[in-house]
Amino acid sequence: MDVDLRHLRPVRAVSLAAALLSVALVTSAVTALALGAPRAGAIAVAAPGNAASSYTPSASNLEAREWFQDARFGIFLHWGLYSELGGVGTPGLSEWIMNDARISAAKYERLASFFNPVHFDSDAWVRQFKAAGARYIVITSKHHDGFAMFKTTVSSYNVVDATPFKRDPLAELAAACQRQGIKLFFYYSQLDWHHPDYFPRGATGQFAGRAPAGDFARYVEYQNAQIRELVTQYGAIGGIWFDGWWDQKGTALQNAWDLERTYKIIHDAQPAALIVNNHHQNPFPGEDYQTFERDLPGENAMGFNGAQVARLPLEMSETMNGTWGFSLIDTNYKSARTLVTTLVAAAGRGANFLLNTGPMPNGEIQGENLKTLAEIGNWLRANGESIYGTRAGPVTPRPWGVTTQSSGHIYVHVLDWHDPILSLPLHDSVRSARRLGGGSVGLRRTAAGIELTLPQTGEWDRIIVLQK
């Protein structure tokens, strides 16, 4: 029967096969950071796509992991040839348009001839994202359509050689990030709907019009050559954000990726660079943090986030509307309050919040998104003490909200609680309670812990600071 893949794959990147097959179980051994924050040590595992191995992160990598956990908020950018089509007026995912509209690779290539984002200003982008409170940026270097948004020497199918733009936006963004003190990560899709050697095909890309032949090992070499360029041509980067592994899950090629070698290329070139893979499995050796797509860690509303929550730094990604790339008709934007609530909920689970916006084909960020980002920035300027540099708090997430903590302080984030009294199972010494930003809060000790008399305000998040 006919099945709509959009209801079964991740919104950005998962296949029908990935949604239906069981999640591989992997174990990891790590040591814990102060305040309960995870620090990864040597990991010995066996996992699909990677032979059993041992990975011991360098000292600089462990330091980068701590920085990553402190950062707590990043901006995700999906930008490429698909941005020109804007979803072509359909409710589907704009960055999947080549696959969903069954556009052949030969026809899709024509988009490159008029990709010319003349209003792209890397410094303006970075200023806007910093003002929103973001500490890092992740941008697509190559999405599933196979088009490189950077100057690569292994293919002419790239933004410098194939478009009238003739500029490398990743190089410009990397320079702007370095000037303005924000870290840059590169998203890279292992799946490729364009390259002839991505064969046998996986669960997607069946209608690209490619010959039914190819050499997958040669494709992996091509991938690794591009990864090597990304970690050697743009200065120090935050890391590589992989996607698309899931396309071969359950096929004969599931174990042909040789992830260990790919990850070694990155860590050898930049030991502090962090590697994550959006494969929806438990972490494989060589991966430095774990990401969850459109779900909080430990939840699975999307249906493909069944992996166990690892003792690694964590992240969740989310869209501002319903799609990752620019869409002409998807105006179902989430409010700043909704996004801040998700950011807080992520922090209370020890996770970063990676918020996506799809730049327009002219190189500008959508005005609606900039307005929302400005509101988030205003909230973080007032309340960032309870987010940046914190770890998950001593009270696990509850229906009313979450807790975060830093040295000497516990932050109680009351997101949805209408009663005047909130009881917390905290038996350790709590010396005082106050509102973040000023104002006292009633504190009473009980046999079950403590009770707080909450201020009755209309704030998105009533934040109570407990002094230990």
Protein backbone atom coordinates (compact mmCIF):
# COMPACT_ATOMS: atom_id res chain seq x y z
CA MET A 1 0.00 0.00 0.00
CA ASP A 2 1.04 3.63 -0.37
CA VAL A 3 2.64 5.15 2.74
CA ASP A 4 3.36 8.84 3.32
CA LEU A 5 6.96 8.88 4.53
CA ARG A 6 6.49 12.30 6.10
CA HIS A 7 4.44 10.77 8.88
CA LEU A 8 7.06 8.13 9.66
CA ARG A 9 10.47 9.72 9.20
CA PRO A 10 12.05 12.48 11.29
CA VAL A 11 10.85 15.87 10.11
CA ARG A 12 14.26 16.59 8.68
CA ALA A 13 15.85 13.25 8.25
CA VAL A 14 14.71 9.76 8.87
CA SER A 15 13.42 7.01 6.66
CA LEU A 16 10.46 4.69 6.79
CA ALA A 17 12.87 1.88 7.54
CA ALA A 18 14.36 3.85 10.41
CA ALA A 19 10.95 4.46 11.88
CA LEU A 20 9.96 0.80 11.78
CA LEU A 21 13.12 -0.96 12.84
CA SER A 22 14.16 -1.40 16.45
CA VAL A 23 16.70 0.88 18.06
CA ALA A 24 20.13 -0.67 18.45
CA LEU A 25 21.31 -0.80 22.05
CA VAL A 26 24.77 0.44 22.83
CA THR A 27 26.44 0.86 26.19
CA SER A 28 28.79 3.63 27.21
CA ALA A 29 30.93 4.20 30.27
CA VAL A 30 31.64 7.74 31.31
CA THR A 31 32.60 9.66 34.41
CA ALA A 32 30.39 12.33 35.93
CA LEU A 33 31.03 16.05 36.13
CA ALA A 34 30.33 18.19 39.15
CA LEU A 35 26.65 19.01 39.77
CA GLY A 36 25.70 15.77 38.05
CA ALA A 37 26.88 16.94 34.62
CA PRO A 38 28.14 14.08 32.44
CA ARG A 39 31.75 13.83 31.35
CA ALA A 40 32.61 11.10 28.87
CA GLY A 41 35.60 8.90 29.29
CA ALA A 42 36.63 5.89 27.23
CA ILE A 43 33.72 4.22 25.51
CA ALA A 44 33.88 0.61 24.29
CA VAL A 45 30.83 -0.38 22.28
CA ALA A 46 29.63 -2.34 19.31
CA ALA A 47 27.19 -0.45 17.11
CA PRO A 48 25.70 -0.57 13.62
CA GLY A 49 27.92 1.22 11.12
CA ASN A 50 30.95 1.09 13.38
CA ALA A 51 33.10 -1.82 14.49
CA ALA A 52 33.72 -2.31 18.17
CA SER A 53 36.38 0.16 19.26
CA SER A 54 37.57 2.32 22.08
CA TYR A 55 37.47 6.09 21.94
CA THR A 56 39.15 8.22 24.57
CA PRO A 57 38.45 11.94 24.13
CA SER A 58 41.37 14.33 24.45
CA ALA A 59 41.65 16.86 27.27
CA SER A 60 40.74 19.63 24.84
CA ASN A 61 37.69 17.67 23.72
CA LEU A 62 36.50 17.22 27.30
CA GLU A 63 36.98 20.94 27.84
CA ALA A 64 34.93 21.61 24.69
CA ARG A 65 32.18 19.35 26.02
CA GLU A 66 31.98 21.43 29.19
CA TRP A 67 31.83 24.61 27.11
CA PHE A 68 29.06 23.05 25.04
CA GLN A 69 27.00 22.28 28.13
CA ASP A 70 27.54 25.80 29.41
CA ALA A 71 26.38 27.29 26.08
CA ARG A 72 22.83 25.90 26.32
CA PHE A 73 21.43 27.75 23.24
CA GLY A 74 22.35 27.48 19.57
CA ILE A 75 20.93 28.46 16.19
CA PHE A 76 20.39 25.89 13.42
CA LEU A 77 20.42 27.02 9.75
CA HIS A 78 19.02 24.99 6.85
CA TRP A 79 20.01 26.83 3.68
CA GLY A 80 20.60 25.52 0.19
CA LEU A 81 19.17 25.21 -3.33
CA TYR A 82 15.86 24.01 -1.85
CA SER A 83 15.45 27.46 -0.29
CA GLU A 84 14.73 28.85 -3.77
CA LEU A 85 11.60 26.70 -4.10
CA GLY A 86 10.23 27.62 -0.69
CA GLY A 87 8.37 24.33 -0.48
CA VAL A 88 6.56 25.22 -3.76
CA GLY A 89 3.40 26.00 -1.85
CA THR A 90 2.96 22.54 -0.32
CA PRO A 91 2.67 21.71 3.39
CA GLY A 92 5.63 19.32 3.19
CA LEU A 93 9.23 19.89 4.18
CA SER A 94 10.93 22.39 1.94
CA GLU A 95 14.41 20.89 2.34
CA TRP A 96 13.01 17.51 1.21
CA ILE A 97 11.46 18.93 -1.98
CA MET A 98 13.81 17.06 -4.34
CA ASN A 99 12.71 13.74 -2.87
CA ASP A 100 9.07 14.57 -2.17
CA ALA A 101 8.37 16.13 -5.58
CA ARG A 102 10.38 13.39 -7.32
CA ILE A 103 12.67 15.88 -9.04
CA SER A 104 15.50 14.20 -10.94
CA ALA A 105 19.08 15.14 -10.10
CA ALA A 106 19.56 16.52 -13.62
CA LYS A 107 16.59 18.87 -13.30
CA TYR A 108 17.36 19.84 -9.71
CA GLU A 109 20.87 20.90 -10.78
CA ARG A 110 19.32 23.79 -12.71
CA LEU A 111 18.53 25.50 -9.40
CA ALA A 112 22.24 26.19 -8.98
CA SER A 113 22.31 28.39 -12.08
CA PHE A 114 20.14 31.04 -10.38
CA PHE A 115 21.12 30.70 -6.72
CA ASN A 116 22.39 34.20 -5.97
CA PRO A 117 21.79 35.33 -2.35
CA VAL A 118 23.04 38.88 -2.86
CA HIS A 119 21.76 40.08 0.54
CA PHE A 120 23.76 37.53 2.52
CA ASP A 121 25.70 39.34 5.26
CA SER A 122 27.54 36.96 7.57
CA ASP A 123 28.31 39.62 10.17
CA ALA A 124 24.66 40.66 10.33
CA TRP A 125 23.60 37.04 10.80
CA VAL A 126 26.03 36.52 13.68
CA ARG A 127 25.01 39.81 15.34
CA GLN A 128 21.36 38.81 15.13
CA PHE A 129 21.96 35.37 16.60
CA LYS A 130 24.20 36.68 19.37
CA ALA A 131 21.54 39.24 20.27
CA ALA A 132 19.11 36.33 20.58
CA GLY A 133 21.42 34.80 23.20
CA ALA A 134 22.85 32.00 21.04
CA ARG A 135 26.34 30.77 21.85
CA TYR A 136 26.85 28.61 18.74
CA ILE A 137 25.59 28.16 15.17
CA VAL A 138 25.09 24.98 13.13
CA ILE A 139 24.75 25.45 9.35
CA THR A 140 24.14 22.97 6.55
CA SER A 141 27.32 22.41 4.54
CA LYS A 142 25.61 19.69 2.47
CA HIS A 143 22.03 18.52 2.83
CA HIS A 144 20.45 15.37 1.38
CA ASP A 145 20.26 16.99 -2.08
CA GLY A 146 24.06 16.63 -2.31
CA PHE A 147 24.77 20.30 -3.07
CA ALA A 148 27.80 21.66 -1.21
CA MET A 149 27.28 25.10 0.30
CA PHE A 150 31.06 25.52 0.42
CA LYS A 151 34.02 25.41 -1.96
CA THR A 152 34.92 21.74 -2.34
CA THR A 153 37.61 20.45 -4.67
CA VAL A 154 36.11 16.98 -5.10
CA SER A 155 33.01 18.14 -6.98
CA SER A 156 31.99 21.14 -9.07
CA TYR A 157 28.49 20.79 -7.61
CA ASN A 158 29.08 23.53 -5.06
CA VAL A 159 28.07 27.11 -4.35
CA VAL A 160 31.31 28.65 -5.66
CA ASP A 161 31.66 26.73 -8.92
CA ALA A 162 28.03 26.14 -9.90
CA THR A 163 26.20 29.37 -8.99
CA PRO A 164 26.38 33.03 -10.05
CA PHE A 165 27.03 33.86 -6.37
CA LYS A 166 30.63 32.59 -6.67
CA ARG A 167 31.25 33.06 -2.94
CA ASP A 168 31.79 30.61 -0.10
CA PRO A 169 29.18 31.52 2.55
CA LEU A 170 30.67 29.06 5.04
CA ALA A 171 34.04 30.77 4.82
CA GLU A 172 32.41 34.16 5.37
CA LEU A 173 30.32 32.87 8.26
CA ALA A 174 33.34 31.20 9.86
CA ALA A 175 35.25 34.49 9.70
CA ALA A 176 32.32 36.42 11.17
CA CYS A 177 31.96 33.89 13.99
CA GLN A 178 35.65 34.20 14.80
CA ARG A 179 35.40 38.00 14.82
CA GLN A 180 32.37 38.01 17.08
CA GLY A 181 33.32 35.15 19.39
CA ILE A 182 30.70 32.54 18.60
CA LYS A 183 31.37 28.90 17.68
CA LEU A 184 30.41 27.44 14.30
CA PHE A 185 29.45 23.83 13.62
CA PHE A 186 28.93 22.28 10.18
CA TYR A 187 25.95 20.04 9.47
CA TYR A 188 26.81 17.32 6.93
CA SER A 189 24.38 14.83 5.38
CA GLN A 190 25.85 11.41 4.82
CA LEU A 191 22.84 10.62 2.65
CA ASP A 192 23.19 12.01 -0.90
CA TRP A 193 20.39 12.06 -3.52
CA HIS A 194 22.72 13.42 -6.20
CA HIS A 195 26.00 11.50 -6.13
CA PRO A 196 26.03 8.51 -8.53
CA ASP A 197 28.10 6.35 -6.18
CA TYR A 198 25.52 6.52 -3.39
CA PHE A 199 24.40 3.00 -4.34
CA PRO A 200 22.59 0.81 -3.54
CA ARG A 201 19.99 3.43 -2.66
CA GLY A 202 18.60 3.57 0.84
CA ALA A 203 15.03 4.33 1.90
CA THR A 204 14.94 7.70 0.08
CA GLY A 205 16.16 9.29 -3.14
CA GLN A 206 14.61 6.64 -5.36
CA PHE A 207 13.39 9.12 -8.00
CA ALA A 208 16.58 11.07 -8.70
CA GLY A 209 17.03 9.43 -12.11
CA ARG A 210 20.47 8.01 -11.36
CA ALA A 211 21.76 4.90 -13.06
CA PRO A 212 21.19 1.73 -10.98
CA ALA A 213 24.89 1.31 -10.30
CA GLY A 214 27.64 2.80 -8.18
CA ASP A 215 30.44 2.14 -5.72
CA PHE A 216 29.44 2.92 -2.14
CA ALA A 217 33.03 2.64 -0.87
CA ARG A 218 34.00 5.32 -3.38
CA TYR A 219 31.14 7.48 -2.12
CA VAL A 220 32.42 7.15 1.46
CA GLU A 221 35.83 8.34 0.23
CA TYR A 222 34.10 11.32 -1.38
CA GLN A 223 32.32 12.05 1.89
CA ASN A 224 35.54 11.82 3.86
CA ALA A 225 37.31 14.14 1.44
CA GLN A 226 34.64 16.79 2.03
CA ILE A 227 34.78 16.27 5.78
CA ARG A 228 38.56 16.74 5.63
CA GLU A 229 38.03 20.04 3.79
CA LEU A 230 35.55 21.24 6.41
CA VAL A 231 37.94 20.60 9.29
CA THR A 232 41.02 22.07 7.57
CA GLN A 233 39.80 25.06 5.54
CA TYR A 234 37.77 27.12 8.02
CA GLY A 235 39.90 27.49 11.13
CA ALA A 236 38.86 26.13 14.50
CA ILE A 237 35.26 24.94 14.39
CA GLY A 238 32.88 23.76 17.09
CA GLY A 239 32.32 20.40 15.43
CA ILE A 240 30.49 18.35 12.81
CA TRP A 241 26.74 17.61 13.01
CA PHE A 242 26.02 14.47 10.95
CA ASP A 243 22.68 13.41 9.52
CA GLY A 244 21.43 10.76 7.09
CA TRP A 245 22.99 7.58 8.53
CA TRP A 246 19.46 6.30 9.04
CA ASP A 247 18.88 6.09 5.26
CA GLN A 248 20.80 2.79 5.15
CA LYS A 249 19.51 1.40 8.42
CA GLY A 250 18.53 -2.23 7.94
CA THR A 251 20.22 -2.51 4.52
CA ALA A 252 23.39 -4.33 3.52
CA LEU A 253 25.21 -0.99 3.76
CA GLN A 254 24.27 -0.25 7.37
CA ASN A 255 27.75 -1.29 8.51
CA ALA A 256 29.61 0.13 5.50
CA TRP A 257 29.90 3.73 6.71
CA ASP A 258 33.16 3.11 8.60
CA LEU A 259 32.29 5.85 11.06
CA GLU A 260 35.40 5.23 13.11
CA ARG A 261 37.62 6.33 10.23
CA THR A 262 35.45 9.35 9.43
CA TYR A 263 35.41 10.45 13.05
CA LYS A 264 39.18 9.95 13.30
CA ILE A 265 39.69 12.40 10.42
CA ILE A 266 37.87 15.04 12.44
CA HIS A 267 39.48 14.38 15.81
CA ASP A 268 42.97 14.10 14.30
CA ALA A 269 42.60 17.48 12.58
CA GLN A 270 40.82 19.20 15.47
CA PRO A 271 40.82 17.23 18.73
CA ALA A 272 38.47 19.71 20.39
CA ALA A 273 35.87 19.49 17.60
CA LEU A 274 32.69 17.81 18.83
CA ILE A 275 30.99 15.11 16.78
CA VAL A 276 27.29 14.33 16.90
CA ASN A 277 25.22 12.12 14.62
CA ASN A 278 21.47 12.48 14.23
CA HIS A 279 21.05 8.75 13.68
CA HIS A 280 18.49 8.21 16.46
CA GLN A 281 20.58 5.40 17.94
CA ASN A 282 22.52 5.23 21.17
CA PRO A 283 25.84 7.03 20.67
CA PHE A 284 28.53 5.28 18.65
CA PRO A 285 32.26 5.42 19.51
CA GLY A 286 33.81 8.76 18.63
CA GLU A 287 30.64 10.79 19.21
CA ASP A 288 30.96 13.56 21.77
CA TYR A 289 27.35 14.46 22.48
CA GLN A 290 23.85 13.18 21.77
CA THR A 291 21.12 15.04 19.92
CA PHE A 292 17.35 14.56 19.82
CA GLU A 293 15.23 15.84 16.96
CA ARG A 294 12.13 17.77 18.01
CA ASP A 295 11.85 15.87 21.30
CA LEU A 296 13.18 16.52 24.76
CA PRO A 297 15.67 13.87 25.93
CA GLY A 298 13.78 10.86 27.21
CA GLU A 299 10.60 11.69 25.30
CA ASN A 300 9.47 10.26 21.97
CA ALA A 301 6.44 12.17 20.73
CA MET A 302 7.93 12.17 17.22
CA GLY A 303 8.19 8.38 17.16
CA PHE A 304 11.86 8.08 16.20
CA ASN A 305 13.67 9.22 19.35
CA GLY A 306 13.74 5.85 21.06
CA ALA A 307 17.45 5.94 21.90
CA GLN A 308 18.46 5.78 25.53
CA VAL A 309 19.62 9.05 27.04
CA ALA A 310 23.40 8.74 27.26
CA ARG A 311 25.69 10.15 29.91
CA LEU A 312 27.08 12.60 27.39
CA PRO A 313 26.30 16.26 26.77
CA LEU A 314 22.80 16.51 25.31
CA GLU A 315 20.96 18.64 22.76
CA MET A 316 17.51 18.88 21.27
CA SER A 317 16.66 20.61 17.99
CA GLU A 318 13.41 22.34 17.09
CA THR A 319 11.86 24.36 14.27
CA MET A 320 10.30 27.81 14.49
CA ASN A 321 7.39 26.67 12.30
CA GLY A 322 6.93 23.14 10.92
CA THR A 323 9.80 22.91 8.46
CA TRP A 324 13.56 23.28 8.51
CA GLY A 325 14.19 25.04 5.20
CA PHE A 326 12.50 28.28 4.10
CA SER A 327 8.80 27.83 3.33
CA LEU A 328 6.53 30.26 1.51
CA ILE A 329 3.33 29.11 3.18
CA ASP A 330 4.21 27.63 6.56
CA THR A 331 3.33 30.54 8.82
CA ASN A 332 2.50 28.36 11.82
CA TYR A 333 5.23 30.01 13.84
CA LYS A 334 5.75 29.01 17.44
CA SER A 335 5.55 31.89 19.89
CA ALA A 336 8.57 33.17 21.76
CA ARG A 337 6.93 31.95 24.96
CA THR A 338 6.56 28.41 23.57
CA LEU A 339 10.20 28.35 22.45
CA VAL A 340 11.50 29.76 25.74
CA THR A 341 9.48 27.14 27.60
CA THR A 342 11.13 24.44 25.48
CA LEU A 343 14.57 25.94 26.07
CA VAL A 344 13.95 25.87 29.83
CA ALA A 345 12.58 22.32 29.69
CA ALA A 346 15.71 21.25 27.81
CA ALA A 347 18.03 22.91 30.31
CA GLY A 348 16.18 21.17 33.14
CA ARG A 349 17.04 17.88 31.47
CA GLY A 350 20.68 18.86 31.04
CA ALA A 351 20.30 19.58 27.32
CA ASN A 352 21.04 22.41 24.93
CA PHE A 353 18.32 23.93 22.74
CA LEU A 354 19.16 24.18 19.03
CA LEU A 355 16.57 26.40 17.34
CA ASN A 356 16.25 26.37 13.57
CA THR A 357 15.52 29.10 11.07
CA GLY A 358 15.57 28.66 7.30
CA PRO A 359 17.26 31.63 5.62
CA MET A 360 15.53 32.97 2.51
CA PRO A 361 17.09 32.45 -0.95
CA ASN A 362 18.17 36.11 -1.06
CA GLY A 363 20.40 35.52 1.98
CA GLU A 364 18.25 37.24 4.59
CA ILE A 365 16.67 35.80 7.73
CA GLN A 366 12.88 35.93 7.77
CA GLY A 367 11.56 38.98 9.59
CA GLU A 368 9.07 36.90 11.59
CA ASN A 369 11.91 34.75 12.88
CA LEU A 370 14.06 37.75 13.77
CA LYS A 371 11.22 39.21 15.83
CA THR A 372 10.88 35.97 17.78
CA LEU A 373 14.64 35.66 18.23
CA ALA A 374 14.74 39.21 19.63
CA GLU A 375 12.08 38.27 22.21
CA ILE A 376 14.07 35.20 23.22
CA GLY A 377 17.17 37.37 23.54
CA ASN A 378 15.34 39.79 25.83
CA TRP A 379 14.24 36.91 28.05
CA LEU A 380 17.74 35.45 28.23
CA ARG A 381 19.29 38.81 29.10
CA ALA A 382 16.97 38.97 32.11
CA ASN A 383 17.07 35.29 33.10
CA GLY A 384 20.19 33.78 31.53
CA GLU A 385 21.78 33.21 34.93
CA SER A 386 19.37 30.28 35.36
CA ILE A 387 20.25 28.77 31.95
CA TYR A 388 23.85 29.43 30.89
CA GLY A 389 26.46 27.41 32.72
CA THR A 390 23.89 25.33 34.56
CA ARG A 391 23.27 21.62 34.71
CA ALA A 392 20.09 19.64 35.34
CA GLY A 393 18.80 20.36 38.84
CA PRO A 394 18.26 18.01 41.78
CA VAL A 395 14.50 17.76 41.20
CA THR A 396 13.72 15.75 38.09
CA PRO A 397 11.31 17.33 35.55
CA ARG A 398 7.75 17.62 36.80
CA PRO A 399 4.48 18.68 35.13
CA TRP A 400 4.90 22.10 36.74
CA GLY A 401 8.42 22.69 35.40
CA VAL A 402 12.08 21.88 35.97
CA THR A 403 15.10 22.77 38.06
CA THR A 404 18.59 23.79 36.99
CA GLN A 405 21.65 24.37 39.15
CA SER A 406 25.02 25.99 39.26
CA SER A 407 27.52 26.32 42.08
CA GLY A 408 25.66 27.19 45.25
CA HIS A 409 22.29 27.82 43.58
CA ILE A 410 19.24 25.86 42.51
CA TYR A 411 16.88 27.52 40.03
CA VAL A 412 13.26 26.42 40.23
CA HIS A 413 11.51 27.12 36.91
CA VAL A 414 7.77 27.18 37.52
CA LEU A 415 6.20 26.98 34.07
CA ASP A 416 2.70 25.67 34.76
CA TRP A 417 1.46 25.73 38.37
CA HIS A 418 -1.60 27.59 39.58
CA ASP A 419 -1.55 26.82 43.30
CA PRO A 420 0.14 29.26 45.69
CA ILE A 421 2.27 26.55 47.34
CA LEU A 422 4.85 24.36 45.59
CA SER A 423 6.41 21.45 47.47
CA LEU A 424 9.88 20.21 46.56
CA PRO A 425 11.57 17.02 47.81
CA LEU A 426 14.75 18.84 48.80
CA HIS A 427 16.18 17.66 52.10
CA ASP A 428 19.62 19.18 51.76
CA SER A 429 20.23 22.52 53.36
CA VAL A 430 18.48 25.38 51.55
CA ARG A 431 19.28 28.63 53.27
CA SER A 432 16.97 31.02 51.47
CA ALA A 433 14.64 31.55 48.54
CA ARG A 434 14.13 34.60 46.34
CA ARG A 435 12.81 35.53 42.95
CA LEU A 436 15.38 35.88 40.19
CA GLY A 437 15.48 39.59 39.58
CA GLY A 438 14.47 40.52 43.11
CA GLY A 439 11.79 39.84 45.70
CA SER A 440 11.49 37.42 48.59
CA VAL A 441 9.77 34.05 48.47
CA GLY A 442 8.27 32.26 51.43
CA LEU A 443 10.21 29.14 52.44
CA ARG A 444 9.02 26.51 54.91
CA ARG A 445 10.72 23.22 55.78
CA THR A 446 8.58 20.10 56.04
CA ALA A 447 9.15 16.40 56.57
CA ALA A 448 8.84 15.94 52.80
CA GLY A 449 11.36 18.69 51.95
CA ILE A 450 10.48 22.35 51.50
CA GLU A 451 7.45 24.41 50.53
CA LEU A 452 7.64 27.61 48.51
CA THR A 453 5.02 30.35 48.55
CA LEU A 454 5.02 31.40 44.93
CA PRO A 455 4.60 34.92 43.61
CA GLN A 456 1.41 35.23 41.59
CA THR A 457 2.62 36.87 38.39
CA GLY A 458 1.98 36.48 34.71
CA GLU A 459 5.57 35.64 33.84
CA TRP A 460 6.29 32.89 31.31
CA ASP A 461 8.60 31.28 33.85
CA ARG A 462 8.54 32.13 37.54
CA ILE A 463 12.15 31.50 38.54
CA ILE A 464 12.91 30.95 42.20
CA VAL A 465 16.56 30.99 43.30
CA LEU A 466 17.39 28.70 46.20
CA GLN A 467 20.62 29.47 48.03
CA LYS A 468 22.37 26.35 49.32
